[in-house]
Amino acid sequence: MGTDRFPAVVASGAGPASTVTLTDADLPDGDVTVDVAYSSLNYKDGLAVTGRARIARTFPMVCGIDLAGTVRSSAADRWRPGDEVVVTGWGLSETHPGGYTQRERLESGWLLPPPPGLDLRRAMAVGTAGLTAMLCVLALEGAGLRPDPGEEVLVTGAAGGVGSIAVALLSALGHRVVASTGRAELEPYLRDLGAGRVVDRAELAVAPERPLGPERYAGAVDTVGGTTLASVIGQVRYRGAVAACGLAGGSELATSVLPFILRNVALLGVDSVRCPNALRTVAWSRVASDLPAAVLDRVTEVRPMSDIHALAQEILAGSVRGRVVVDPHA
């Protein structure tokens, strides 16, 4: 398409989003305009594109909670045309049009430069999912988690975007990682990422008979929520911690206070939408230094934006492995 007309995936109300043509006149308010090079696929994107949940707060709304690209024009002192930038969260696809487009206008305070070592494609391979995984690791470290050859750290939903990056990060940092998944055929994939053991998610998807189970894990990253999170909390050792960041298995949490008051277990909520830039910068830097680029490349595939409707269905069905980078120019 010409420079003044470009495609975008837009939710216009109840039901699935559609691909439409926009112009600069359709762009929202903001002080920096970005030529989008890549976006990514996250669980929330699947909900928004399919219309399965009310992600957008107003309509019409360009979908895509992530984007990476090059500054086209700027009224902000910090940014100049040609600067490479990354944006994740900050209400993209919810309260502000997002990254499933070739051009977007944004608030300058939401932008960060990609850290050294990550080009724009790899930055979107990380995206919200990878950033969330790193924030979970930082939260667990803040609660005292350190590598110990005698202890294991659990990752639930391990074959998904957050889970895959969490497994790879924790393994690279020296932890013994246990990966929980419902897809037994992906055990070789998870072991390649560094998992020492792989367990069937069914073991955790049953309501625990007792609020305190055996002390199996020094810590955990939970991307599932619901019954799985309740089961995990009851199996964390004394003074361990669980970083909770997802709800693919449900938003309800039926548990007891006993793990918290008898084992001093910490339940750490992890959010990446409104995360302060100071913490984002630390997380991006740690991803760039702690996650081997070769591992990131192995868990990533690049798909054209024209595939986004099929991809949205796949991620909600739990059939997407690792990370998907979305190319809005294909």
C-alpha atoms as a PDB file:
ATOM      1  CA  MET A   1       0.000   0.000   0.000  1.00  0.00           C
ATOM      2  CA  GLY A   2       1.084   3.601  -0.398  1.00  0.00           C
ATOM      3  CA  THR A   3       2.758   5.564   2.341  1.00  0.00           C
ATOM      4  CA  ASP A   4      -0.496   7.257   3.369  1.00  0.00           C
ATOM      5  CA  ARG A   5      -2.597   4.086   3.555  1.00  0.00           C
ATOM      6  CA  PHE A   6      -1.771   1.017   5.614  1.00  0.00           C
ATOM      7  CA  PRO A   7      -3.485  -2.115   6.953  1.00  0.00           C
ATOM      8  CA  ALA A   8      -4.422  -2.642  10.595  1.00  0.00           C
ATOM      9  CA  VAL A   9      -6.302  -5.262  12.599  1.00  0.00           C
ATOM     10  CA  VAL A  10      -9.159  -3.408  14.266  1.00  0.00           C
ATOM     11  CA  ALA A  11     -11.814  -4.439  16.778  1.00  0.00           C
ATOM     12  CA  SER A  12     -14.987  -2.482  16.083  1.00  0.00           C
ATOM     13  CA  GLY A  13     -17.327  -3.984  18.676  1.00  0.00           C
ATOM     14  CA  ALA A  14     -18.544  -7.370  19.801  1.00  0.00           C
ATOM     15  CA  GLY A  15     -17.148 -10.210  17.707  1.00  0.00           C
ATOM     16  CA  PRO A  16     -13.869 -10.764  15.907  1.00  0.00           C
ATOM     17  CA  ALA A  17     -11.583  -7.973  14.748  1.00  0.00           C
ATOM     18  CA  SER A  18     -11.155  -7.330  11.031  1.00  0.00           C
ATOM     19  CA  THR A  19      -8.356  -6.078   8.804  1.00  0.00           C
ATOM     20  CA  VAL A  20      -9.057  -2.548   7.554  1.00  0.00           C
ATOM     21  CA  THR A  21      -7.177   0.247   5.809  1.00  0.00           C
ATOM     22  CA  LEU A  22      -6.159   3.300   7.853  1.00  0.00           C
ATOM     23  CA  THR A  23      -4.485   6.620   7.123  1.00  0.00           C
ATOM     24  CA  ASP A  24      -2.552   9.067   9.297  1.00  0.00           C
ATOM     25  CA  ALA A  25      -5.837  10.841   9.980  1.00  0.00           C
ATOM     26  CA  ASP A  26      -6.963   7.735  11.892  1.00  0.00           C
ATOM     27  CA  LEU A  27      -4.004   7.765  14.260  1.00  0.00           C
ATOM     28  CA  PRO A  28      -4.657   8.706  17.913  1.00  0.00           C
ATOM     29  CA  ASP A  29      -3.203  11.591  19.887  1.00  0.00           C
ATOM     30  CA  GLY A  30       0.428  11.320  20.928  1.00  0.00           C
ATOM     31  CA  ASP A  31       3.750  13.064  20.505  1.00  0.00           C
ATOM     32  CA  VAL A  32       5.694  10.325  18.666  1.00  0.00           C
ATOM     33  CA  THR A  33       4.721   8.553  15.444  1.00  0.00           C
ATOM     34  CA  VAL A  34       6.347   5.160  14.866  1.00  0.00           C
ATOM     35  CA  ASP A  35       6.735   3.065  11.730  1.00  0.00           C
ATOM     36  CA  VAL A  36       5.971  -0.380  13.131  1.00  0.00           C
ATOM     37  CA  ALA A  37       8.427  -3.107  12.121  1.00  0.00           C
ATOM     38  CA  TYR A  38       7.067  -5.956  14.267  1.00  0.00           C
ATOM     39  CA  SER A  39       4.495  -6.826  16.890  1.00  0.00           C
ATOM     40  CA  SER A  40       3.961 -10.111  18.724  1.00  0.00           C
ATOM     41  CA  LEU A  41       1.295 -12.611  19.756  1.00  0.00           C
ATOM     42  CA  ASN A  42       0.177 -12.871  23.375  1.00  0.00           C
ATOM     43  CA  TYR A  43      -2.786 -14.540  25.075  1.00  0.00           C
ATOM     44  CA  LYS A  44      -4.491 -11.175  25.506  1.00  0.00           C
ATOM     45  CA  ASP A  45      -4.104 -10.579  21.765  1.00  0.00           C
ATOM     46  CA  GLY A  46      -5.942 -13.821  21.118  1.00  0.00           C
ATOM     47  CA  LEU A  47      -8.819 -12.621  23.285  1.00  0.00           C
ATOM     48  CA  ALA A  48      -8.928  -9.233  21.573  1.00  0.00           C
ATOM     49  CA  VAL A  49      -8.742 -10.502  17.982  1.00  0.00           C
ATOM     50  CA  THR A  50     -11.359 -13.215  18.457  1.00  0.00           C
ATOM     51  CA  GLY A  51     -13.629 -11.038  20.584  1.00  0.00           C
ATOM     52  CA  ARG A  52     -13.726 -13.774  23.231  1.00  0.00           C
ATOM     53  CA  ALA A  53     -13.224 -11.176  25.960  1.00  0.00           C
ATOM     54  CA  ARG A  54     -13.715  -7.425  26.202  1.00  0.00           C
ATOM     55  CA  ILE A  55     -10.114  -6.258  25.965  1.00  0.00           C
ATOM     56  CA  ALA A  56     -10.751  -2.932  24.202  1.00  0.00           C
ATOM     57  CA  ARG A  57     -12.361  -0.296  26.398  1.00  0.00           C
ATOM     58  CA  THR A  58     -13.434   1.839  23.432  1.00  0.00           C
ATOM     59  CA  PHE A  59     -14.059   1.173  19.732  1.00  0.00           C
ATOM     60  CA  PRO A  60     -12.711   1.121  17.130  1.00  0.00           C
ATOM     61  CA  MET A  61      -9.434  -0.210  18.566  1.00  0.00           C
ATOM     62  CA  VAL A  62      -6.300  -1.402  16.797  1.00  0.00           C
ATOM     63  CA  CYS A  63      -5.281  -4.718  18.376  1.00  0.00           C
ATOM     64  CA  GLY A  64      -1.789  -5.745  19.439  1.00  0.00           C
ATOM     65  CA  ILE A  65      -0.354  -5.073  22.912  1.00  0.00           C
ATOM     66  CA  ASP A  66       3.258  -4.834  21.682  1.00  0.00           C
ATOM     67  CA  LEU A  67       5.175  -3.036  18.974  1.00  0.00           C
ATOM     68  CA  ALA A  68       8.717  -2.294  17.909  1.00  0.00           C
ATOM     69  CA  GLY A  69       9.751   0.082  15.187  1.00  0.00           C
ATOM     70  CA  THR A  70      11.442   3.296  14.125  1.00  0.00           C
ATOM     71  CA  VAL A  71      10.449   6.839  15.027  1.00  0.00           C
ATOM     72  CA  ARG A  72       8.903   8.553  11.995  1.00  0.00           C
ATOM     73  CA  SER A  73       8.299  11.935  13.625  1.00  0.00           C
ATOM     74  CA  SER A  74       8.545  13.301  17.140  1.00  0.00           C
ATOM     75  CA  ALA A  75       7.495  16.327  19.150  1.00  0.00           C
ATOM     76  CA  ALA A  76       9.355  14.964  22.199  1.00  0.00           C
ATOM     77  CA  ASP A  77      12.885  16.050  23.040  1.00  0.00           C
ATOM     78  CA  ARG A  78      14.083  12.520  23.810  1.00  0.00           C
ATOM     79  CA  TRP A  79      13.195  10.932  20.480  1.00  0.00           C
ATOM     80  CA  ARG A  80      14.361  11.704  16.962  1.00  0.00           C
ATOM     81  CA  PRO A  81      13.341  10.287  13.573  1.00  0.00           C
ATOM     82  CA  GLY A  82      15.199   7.047  12.983  1.00  0.00           C
ATOM     83  CA  ASP A  83      15.421   6.056  16.655  1.00  0.00           C
ATOM     84  CA  GLU A  84      14.507   2.430  17.327  1.00  0.00           C
ATOM     85  CA  VAL A  85      11.885   1.971  20.028  1.00  0.00           C
ATOM     86  CA  VAL A  86       9.954  -0.752  21.827  1.00  0.00           C
ATOM     87  CA  VAL A  87       6.542  -0.414  23.488  1.00  0.00           C
ATOM     88  CA  THR A  88       4.783  -3.081  25.549  1.00  0.00           C
ATOM     89  CA  GLY A  89       1.693  -2.659  27.688  1.00  0.00           C
ATOM     90  CA  TRP A  90       0.627   0.860  28.683  1.00  0.00           C
ATOM     91  CA  GLY A  91      -2.925   0.058  27.584  1.00  0.00           C
ATOM     92  CA  LEU A  92      -2.116  -0.727  23.942  1.00  0.00           C
ATOM     93  CA  SER A  93      -5.116  -2.540  22.427  1.00  0.00           C
ATOM     94  CA  GLU A  94      -7.163  -1.608  25.514  1.00  0.00           C
ATOM     95  CA  THR A  95      -7.298   2.161  25.905  1.00  0.00           C
ATOM     96  CA  HIS A  96      -4.872   3.140  23.126  1.00  0.00           C
ATOM     97  CA  PRO A  97      -4.555   1.690  19.603  1.00  0.00           C
ATOM     98  CA  GLY A  98      -1.912  -1.015  19.443  1.00  0.00           C
ATOM     99  CA  GLY A  99       0.696  -2.688  17.273  1.00  0.00           C
ATOM    100  CA  TYR A 100      -1.162  -4.681  14.615  1.00  0.00           C
ATOM    101  CA  THR A 101      -0.595  -1.936  12.093  1.00  0.00           C
ATOM    102  CA  GLN A 102       2.215  -0.440  10.036  1.00  0.00           C
ATOM    103  CA  ARG A 103       2.102   2.950  11.772  1.00  0.00           C
ATOM    104  CA  GLU A 104       1.121   4.111  15.239  1.00  0.00           C
ATOM    105  CA  ARG A 105       1.163   7.330  17.268  1.00  0.00           C
ATOM    106  CA  LEU A 106       2.108   7.029  20.928  1.00  0.00           C
ATOM    107  CA  GLU A 107       2.994   8.864  24.117  1.00  0.00           C
ATOM    108  CA  SER A 108       6.746   9.410  24.304  1.00  0.00           C
ATOM    109  CA  GLY A 109       6.892   8.267  27.934  1.00  0.00           C
ATOM    110  CA  TRP A 110       5.863   4.756  26.918  1.00  0.00           C
ATOM    111  CA  LEU A 111       8.809   4.256  24.573  1.00  0.00           C
ATOM    112  CA  LEU A 112      12.082   2.563  25.443  1.00  0.00           C
ATOM    113  CA  PRO A 113      15.093   1.815  23.267  1.00  0.00           C
ATOM    114  CA  PRO A 114      15.729  -1.880  22.685  1.00  0.00           C
ATOM    115  CA  PRO A 115      18.591  -2.972  24.938  1.00  0.00           C
ATOM    116  CA  PRO A 116      21.996  -3.679  23.377  1.00  0.00           C
ATOM    117  CA  GLY A 117      21.979  -7.133  21.877  1.00  0.00           C
ATOM    118  CA  LEU A 118      18.313  -7.161  20.885  1.00  0.00           C
ATOM    119  CA  ASP A 119      17.288  -5.980  17.427  1.00  0.00           C
ATOM    120  CA  LEU A 120      13.650  -5.110  16.783  1.00  0.00           C
ATOM    121  CA  ARG A 121      12.687  -8.636  15.749  1.00  0.00           C
ATOM    122  CA  ARG A 122      14.254 -10.191  18.826  1.00  0.00           C
ATOM    123  CA  ALA A 123      12.721  -7.474  21.004  1.00  0.00           C
ATOM    124  CA  MET A 124       9.309  -8.616  19.816  1.00  0.00           C
ATOM    125  CA  ALA A 125      10.325 -12.241  20.283  1.00  0.00           C
ATOM    126  CA  VAL A 126      10.631 -11.198  23.919  1.00  0.00           C
ATOM    127  CA  GLY A 127       7.594  -8.891  23.872  1.00  0.00           C
ATOM    128  CA  THR A 128       5.104  -8.766  26.715  1.00  0.00           C
ATOM    129  CA  ALA A 129       5.414 -12.512  27.333  1.00  0.00           C
ATOM    130  CA  GLY A 130       9.181 -12.460  27.733  1.00  0.00           C
ATOM    131  CA  LEU A 131       9.144  -9.237  29.707  1.00  0.00           C
ATOM    132  CA  THR A 132       6.552 -10.769  32.041  1.00  0.00           C
ATOM    133  CA  ALA A 133       8.719 -13.870  32.464  1.00  0.00           C
ATOM    134  CA  MET A 134      11.685 -11.699  33.420  1.00  0.00           C
ATOM    135  CA  LEU A 135       9.562  -9.669  35.840  1.00  0.00           C
ATOM    136  CA  CYS A 136       8.534 -12.959  37.465  1.00  0.00           C
ATOM    137  CA  VAL A 137      12.173 -13.965  37.832  1.00  0.00           C
ATOM    138  CA  LEU A 138      13.027 -10.564  39.320  1.00  0.00           C
ATOM    139  CA  ALA A 139      10.120 -10.894  41.784  1.00  0.00           C
ATOM    140  CA  LEU A 140      11.307 -14.348  42.869  1.00  0.00           C
ATOM    141  CA  GLU A 141      14.866 -13.087  43.269  1.00  0.00           C
ATOM    142  CA  GLY A 142      13.536 -10.201  45.342  1.00  0.00           C
ATOM    143  CA  ALA A 143      11.843 -12.758  47.587  1.00  0.00           C
ATOM    144  CA  GLY A 144      15.169 -14.525  48.112  1.00  0.00           C
ATOM    145  CA  LEU A 145      15.254 -17.206  45.417  1.00  0.00           C
ATOM    146  CA  ARG A 146      18.787 -18.235  44.506  1.00  0.00           C
ATOM    147  CA  PRO A 147      20.089 -21.168  42.443  1.00  0.00           C
ATOM    148  CA  ASP A 148      20.507 -24.259  44.608  1.00  0.00           C
ATOM    149  CA  PRO A 149      21.417 -27.672  43.157  1.00  0.00           C
ATOM    150  CA  GLY A 150      19.228 -29.354  45.765  1.00  0.00           C
ATOM    151  CA  GLU A 151      16.050 -27.407  44.972  1.00  0.00           C
ATOM    152  CA  GLU A 152      13.681 -27.136  42.039  1.00  0.00           C
ATOM    153  CA  VAL A 153      11.721 -24.220  40.568  1.00  0.00           C
ATOM    154  CA  LEU A 154       8.406 -24.920  38.841  1.00  0.00           C
ATOM    155  CA  VAL A 155       7.042 -23.234  35.711  1.00  0.00           C
ATOM    156  CA  THR A 156       3.398 -23.888  34.789  1.00  0.00           C
ATOM    157  CA  GLY A 157       2.083 -23.457  31.263  1.00  0.00           C
ATOM    158  CA  ALA A 158       5.693 -24.033  30.326  1.00  0.00           C
ATOM    159  CA  ALA A 159       5.264 -24.439  26.570  1.00  0.00           C
ATOM    160  CA  GLY A 160       3.535 -21.074  26.114  1.00  0.00           C
ATOM    161  CA  GLY A 161       5.172 -17.709  25.538  1.00  0.00           C
ATOM    162  CA  VAL A 162       5.719 -16.667  29.170  1.00  0.00           C
ATOM    163  CA  GLY A 163       6.458 -20.225  30.238  1.00  0.00           C
ATOM    164  CA  SER A 164       9.019 -20.934  27.517  1.00  0.00           C
ATOM    165  CA  ILE A 165      10.988 -17.787  28.298  1.00  0.00           C
ATOM    166  CA  ALA A 166      10.722 -18.434  32.051  1.00  0.00           C
ATOM    167  CA  VAL A 167      12.094 -21.969  31.645  1.00  0.00           C
ATOM    168  CA  ALA A 168      14.971 -20.704  29.513  1.00  0.00           C
ATOM    169  CA  LEU A 169      15.792 -17.810  31.843  1.00  0.00           C
ATOM    170  CA  LEU A 170      15.686 -19.846  35.054  1.00  0.00           C
ATOM    171  CA  SER A 171      17.801 -22.573  33.512  1.00  0.00           C
ATOM    172  CA  ALA A 172      20.346 -20.072  32.198  1.00  0.00           C
ATOM    173  CA  LEU A 173      20.566 -18.601  35.709  1.00  0.00           C
ATOM    174  CA  GLY A 174      21.457 -21.984  37.173  1.00  0.00           C
ATOM    175  CA  HIS A 175      18.142 -23.200  38.593  1.00  0.00           C
ATOM    176  CA  ARG A 176      16.847 -26.768  38.365  1.00  0.00           C
ATOM    177  CA  VAL A 177      13.633 -26.227  36.431  1.00  0.00           C
ATOM    178  CA  VAL A 178      10.510 -28.377  36.451  1.00  0.00           C
ATOM    179  CA  ALA A 179       8.230 -27.627  33.498  1.00  0.00           C
ATOM    180  CA  SER A 180       4.502 -28.358  33.687  1.00  0.00           C
ATOM    181  CA  THR A 181       2.616 -28.812  30.421  1.00  0.00           C
ATOM    182  CA  GLY A 182      -0.388 -30.625  29.026  1.00  0.00           C
ATOM    183  CA  ARG A 183       1.434 -31.357  25.775  1.00  0.00           C
ATOM    184  CA  ALA A 184       3.592 -34.427  26.383  1.00  0.00           C
ATOM    185  CA  GLU A 185       4.917 -34.264  22.829  1.00  0.00           C
ATOM    186  CA  LEU A 186       6.733 -31.034  23.722  1.00  0.00           C
ATOM    187  CA  GLU A 187       8.943 -32.605  26.385  1.00  0.00           C
ATOM    188  CA  PRO A 188      12.006 -32.562  24.053  1.00  0.00           C
ATOM    189  CA  TYR A 189      11.356 -28.866  23.351  1.00  0.00           C
ATOM    190  CA  LEU A 190      11.172 -28.035  27.074  1.00  0.00           C
ATOM    191  CA  ARG A 191      14.257 -30.056  27.881  1.00  0.00           C
ATOM    192  CA  ASP A 192      16.092 -28.223  25.096  1.00  0.00           C
ATOM    193  CA  LEU A 193      15.172 -24.966  26.862  1.00  0.00           C
ATOM    194  CA  GLY A 194      16.740 -26.290  30.057  1.00  0.00           C
ATOM    195  CA  ALA A 195      13.986 -28.107  31.958  1.00  0.00           C
ATOM    196  CA  GLY A 196      15.396 -30.910  34.086  1.00  0.00           C
ATOM    197  CA  ARG A 197      12.001 -32.521  34.593  1.00  0.00           C
ATOM    198  CA  VAL A 198       8.669 -32.281  32.774  1.00  0.00           C
ATOM    199  CA  VAL A 199       5.395 -33.038  34.599  1.00  0.00           C
ATOM    200  CA  ASP A 200       1.865 -33.408  33.299  1.00  0.00           C
ATOM    201  CA  ARG A 201      -0.286 -30.386  34.057  1.00  0.00           C
ATOM    202  CA  ALA A 202      -3.027 -32.779  35.170  1.00  0.00           C
ATOM    203  CA  GLU A 203      -1.027 -33.357  38.365  1.00  0.00           C
ATOM    204  CA  LEU A 204      -1.618 -29.719  39.297  1.00  0.00           C
ATOM    205  CA  ALA A 205      -5.049 -29.184  37.757  1.00  0.00           C
ATOM    206  CA  VAL A 206      -6.899 -31.064  40.522  1.00  0.00           C
ATOM    207  CA  ALA A 207      -8.060 -29.239  43.637  1.00  0.00           C
ATOM    208  CA  PRO A 208      -5.670 -30.178  46.462  1.00  0.00           C
ATOM    209  CA  GLU A 209      -7.101 -32.458  49.158  1.00  0.00           C
ATOM    210  CA  ARG A 210      -5.159 -30.583  51.819  1.00  0.00           C
ATOM    211  CA  PRO A 211      -4.040 -26.941  51.907  1.00  0.00           C
ATOM    212  CA  LEU A 212      -0.473 -28.058  52.653  1.00  0.00           C
ATOM    213  CA  GLY A 213       1.106 -30.602  50.348  1.00  0.00           C
ATOM    214  CA  PRO A 214       4.686 -31.839  50.213  1.00  0.00           C
ATOM    215  CA  GLU A 215       7.326 -29.097  50.006  1.00  0.00           C
ATOM    216  CA  ARG A 216       8.504 -29.766  46.450  1.00  0.00           C
ATOM    217  CA  TYR A 217       9.539 -26.385  45.058  1.00  0.00           C
ATOM    218  CA  ALA A 218      11.715 -23.498  46.165  1.00  0.00           C
ATOM    219  CA  GLY A 219       9.654 -21.198  43.969  1.00  0.00           C
ATOM    220  CA  ALA A 220       7.369 -21.118  40.958  1.00  0.00           C
ATOM    221  CA  VAL A 221       6.280 -19.056  37.991  1.00  0.00           C
ATOM    222  CA  ASP A 222       2.559 -19.649  37.444  1.00  0.00           C
ATOM    223  CA  THR A 223       1.014 -18.603  34.132  1.00  0.00           C
ATOM    224  CA  VAL A 224      -2.207 -20.585  34.606  1.00  0.00           C
ATOM    225  CA  GLY A 225      -4.042 -19.423  37.728  1.00  0.00           C
ATOM    226  CA  GLY A 226      -7.147 -21.126  39.081  1.00  0.00           C
ATOM    227  CA  THR A 227      -6.836 -24.607  40.555  1.00  0.00           C
ATOM    228  CA  THR A 228      -3.277 -24.954  39.278  1.00  0.00           C
ATOM    229  CA  LEU A 229      -2.137 -21.929  41.265  1.00  0.00           C
ATOM    230  CA  ALA A 230      -3.858 -23.244  44.391  1.00  0.00           C
ATOM    231  CA  SER A 231      -2.058 -26.577  43.972  1.00  0.00           C
ATOM    232  CA  VAL A 232       1.290 -24.879  43.438  1.00  0.00           C
ATOM    233  CA  ILE A 233       0.989 -22.671  46.522  1.00  0.00           C
ATOM    234  CA  GLY A 234       0.504 -25.756  48.693  1.00  0.00           C
ATOM    235  CA  GLN A 235       3.673 -27.395  47.345  1.00  0.00           C
ATOM    236  CA  VAL A 236       6.126 -24.529  47.815  1.00  0.00           C
ATOM    237  CA  ARG A 237       8.647 -24.972  50.570  1.00  0.00           C
ATOM    238  CA  TYR A 238       9.051 -22.870  53.702  1.00  0.00           C
ATOM    239  CA  ARG A 239       9.797 -19.225  52.828  1.00  0.00           C
ATOM    240  CA  GLY A 240       9.438 -19.939  49.133  1.00  0.00           C
ATOM    241  CA  ALA A 241       7.517 -17.790  46.657  1.00  0.00           C
ATOM    242  CA  VAL A 242       5.172 -18.011  43.693  1.00  0.00           C
ATOM    243  CA  ALA A 243       5.099 -15.346  40.977  1.00  0.00           C
ATOM    244  CA  ALA A 244       1.587 -15.344  39.464  1.00  0.00           C
ATOM    245  CA  CYS A 245       1.035 -13.689  36.101  1.00  0.00           C
ATOM    246  CA  GLY A 246      -1.702 -15.530  34.186  1.00  0.00           C
ATOM    247  CA  LEU A 247      -5.259 -16.827  34.213  1.00  0.00           C
ATOM    248  CA  ALA A 248      -5.534 -19.231  31.300  1.00  0.00           C
ATOM    249  CA  GLY A 249      -6.869 -21.795  33.784  1.00  0.00           C
ATOM    250  CA  GLY A 250      -9.268 -19.427  35.523  1.00  0.00           C
ATOM    251  CA  SER A 251      -9.319 -16.251  37.595  1.00  0.00           C
ATOM    252  CA  GLU A 252     -10.731 -17.773  40.801  1.00  0.00           C
ATOM    253  CA  LEU A 253      -8.353 -18.847  43.571  1.00  0.00           C
ATOM    254  CA  ALA A 254      -9.661 -21.305  46.160  1.00  0.00           C
ATOM    255  CA  THR A 255      -6.931 -21.799  48.722  1.00  0.00           C
ATOM    256  CA  SER A 256      -6.185 -21.499  52.432  1.00  0.00           C
ATOM    257  CA  VAL A 257      -4.181 -19.091  54.546  1.00  0.00           C
ATOM    258  CA  LEU A 258      -2.139 -22.012  55.900  1.00  0.00           C
ATOM    259  CA  PRO A 259       0.676 -21.918  53.306  1.00  0.00           C
ATOM    260  CA  PHE A 260       1.112 -18.222  54.060  1.00  0.00           C
ATOM    261  CA  ILE A 261       1.024 -18.329  57.861  1.00  0.00           C
ATOM    262  CA  LEU A 262       2.647 -21.733  58.464  1.00  0.00           C
ATOM    263  CA  ARG A 263       5.220 -21.840  55.652  1.00  0.00           C
ATOM    264  CA  ASN A 264       5.612 -18.108  55.104  1.00  0.00           C
ATOM    265  CA  VAL A 265       4.993 -18.610  51.372  1.00  0.00           C
ATOM    266  CA  ALA A 266       4.882 -15.378  49.358  1.00  0.00           C
ATOM    267  CA  LEU A 267       2.352 -14.941  46.546  1.00  0.00           C
ATOM    268  CA  LEU A 268       3.759 -12.302  44.198  1.00  0.00           C
ATOM    269  CA  GLY A 269       1.475 -10.691  41.650  1.00  0.00           C
ATOM    270  CA  VAL A 270       3.273  -9.692  38.437  1.00  0.00           C
ATOM    271  CA  ASP A 271       1.882  -7.072  36.053  1.00  0.00           C
ATOM    272  CA  SER A 272       3.520  -5.839  32.874  1.00  0.00           C
ATOM    273  CA  VAL A 273       0.954  -3.291  31.646  1.00  0.00           C
ATOM    274  CA  ARG A 274       1.619  -0.452  34.086  1.00  0.00           C
ATOM    275  CA  CYS A 275       5.081  -1.535  35.174  1.00  0.00           C
ATOM    276  CA  PRO A 276       7.260   1.579  35.759  1.00  0.00           C
ATOM    277  CA  ASN A 277       9.880   2.294  33.127  1.00  0.00           C
ATOM    278  CA  ALA A 278      12.696   2.014  35.665  1.00  0.00           C
ATOM    279  CA  LEU A 279      11.750  -1.615  36.327  1.00  0.00           C
ATOM    280  CA  ARG A 280      11.070  -2.274  32.644  1.00  0.00           C
ATOM    281  CA  THR A 281      14.579  -1.064  31.821  1.00  0.00           C
ATOM    282  CA  VAL A 282      16.077  -3.457  34.365  1.00  0.00           C
ATOM    283  CA  ALA A 283      13.972  -6.320  33.019  1.00  0.00           C
ATOM    284  CA  TRP A 284      14.883  -5.611  29.380  1.00  0.00           C
ATOM    285  CA  SER A 285      18.550  -5.395  30.304  1.00  0.00           C
ATOM    286  CA  ARG A 286      18.411  -8.678  32.205  1.00  0.00           C
ATOM    287  CA  VAL A 287      16.669 -10.442  29.316  1.00  0.00           C
ATOM    288  CA  ALA A 288      19.365  -9.221  26.931  1.00  0.00           C
ATOM    289  CA  SER A 289      22.160 -10.407  29.237  1.00  0.00           C
ATOM    290  CA  ASP A 290      20.630 -13.581  30.723  1.00  0.00           C
ATOM    291  CA  LEU A 291      18.723 -15.137  27.816  1.00  0.00           C
ATOM    292  CA  PRO A 292      21.015 -16.554  25.103  1.00  0.00           C
ATOM    293  CA  ALA A 293      20.036 -15.186  21.693  1.00  0.00           C
ATOM    294  CA  ALA A 294      20.264 -18.670  20.191  1.00  0.00           C
ATOM    295  CA  VAL A 295      17.688 -19.938  22.691  1.00  0.00           C
ATOM    296  CA  LEU A 296      15.371 -17.007  21.967  1.00  0.00           C
ATOM    297  CA  ASP A 297      15.629 -17.729  18.253  1.00  0.00           C
ATOM    298  CA  ARG A 298      14.772 -21.410  18.811  1.00  0.00           C
ATOM    299  CA  VAL A 299      11.496 -20.568  20.542  1.00  0.00           C
ATOM    300  CA  THR A 300      10.459 -17.930  17.978  1.00  0.00           C
ATOM    301  CA  GLU A 301       8.728 -17.960  14.624  1.00  0.00           C
ATOM    302  CA  VAL A 302       7.819 -14.954  12.459  1.00  0.00           C
ATOM    303  CA  ARG A 303       4.347 -14.942  10.940  1.00  0.00           C
ATOM    304  CA  PRO A 304       2.588 -12.393   8.686  1.00  0.00           C
ATOM    305  CA  MET A 305      -0.148 -10.204  10.134  1.00  0.00           C
ATOM    306  CA  SER A 306      -2.486 -11.793   7.602  1.00  0.00           C
ATOM    307  CA  ASP A 307      -2.312 -14.963   9.762  1.00  0.00           C
ATOM    308  CA  ILE A 308      -3.411 -13.186  12.931  1.00  0.00           C
ATOM    309  CA  HIS A 309      -6.984 -14.517  12.985  1.00  0.00           C
ATOM    310  CA  ALA A 310      -5.811 -18.135  12.818  1.00  0.00           C
ATOM    311  CA  LEU A 311      -3.035 -17.439  15.321  1.00  0.00           C
ATOM    312  CA  ALA A 312      -5.522 -15.904  17.767  1.00  0.00           C
ATOM    313  CA  GLN A 313      -7.572 -19.087  17.717  1.00  0.00           C
ATOM    314  CA  GLU A 314      -4.457 -21.212  18.151  1.00  0.00           C
ATOM    315  CA  ILE A 315      -3.129 -19.351  21.188  1.00  0.00           C
ATOM    316  CA  LEU A 316      -6.497 -19.545  22.953  1.00  0.00           C
ATOM    317  CA  ALA A 317      -6.604 -23.278  22.213  1.00  0.00           C
ATOM    318  CA  GLY A 318      -3.175 -23.681  23.817  1.00  0.00           C
ATOM    319  CA  SER A 319      -1.577 -24.916  20.615  1.00  0.00           C
ATOM    320  CA  VAL A 320       1.022 -22.157  20.139  1.00  0.00           C
ATOM    321  CA  ARG A 321       4.534 -23.127  21.178  1.00  0.00           C
ATOM    322  CA  GLY A 322       6.951 -20.450  22.350  1.00  0.00           C
ATOM    323  CA  ARG A 323       6.827 -16.994  20.815  1.00  0.00           C
ATOM    324  CA  VAL A 324       5.296 -15.660  17.603  1.00  0.00           C
ATOM    325  CA  VAL A 325       6.564 -12.394  16.090  1.00  0.00           C
ATOM    326  CA  VAL A 326       3.978 -10.671  13.897  1.00  0.00           C
ATOM    327  CA  ASP A 327       5.155  -8.929  10.727  1.00  0.00           C
ATOM    328  CA  PRO A 328       2.625  -6.225   9.749  1.00  0.00           C
ATOM    329  CA  HIS A 329       4.255  -5.854   6.320  1.00  0.00           C
ATOM    330  CA  ALA A 330       3.561  -9.454   5.274  1.00  0.00           C
END
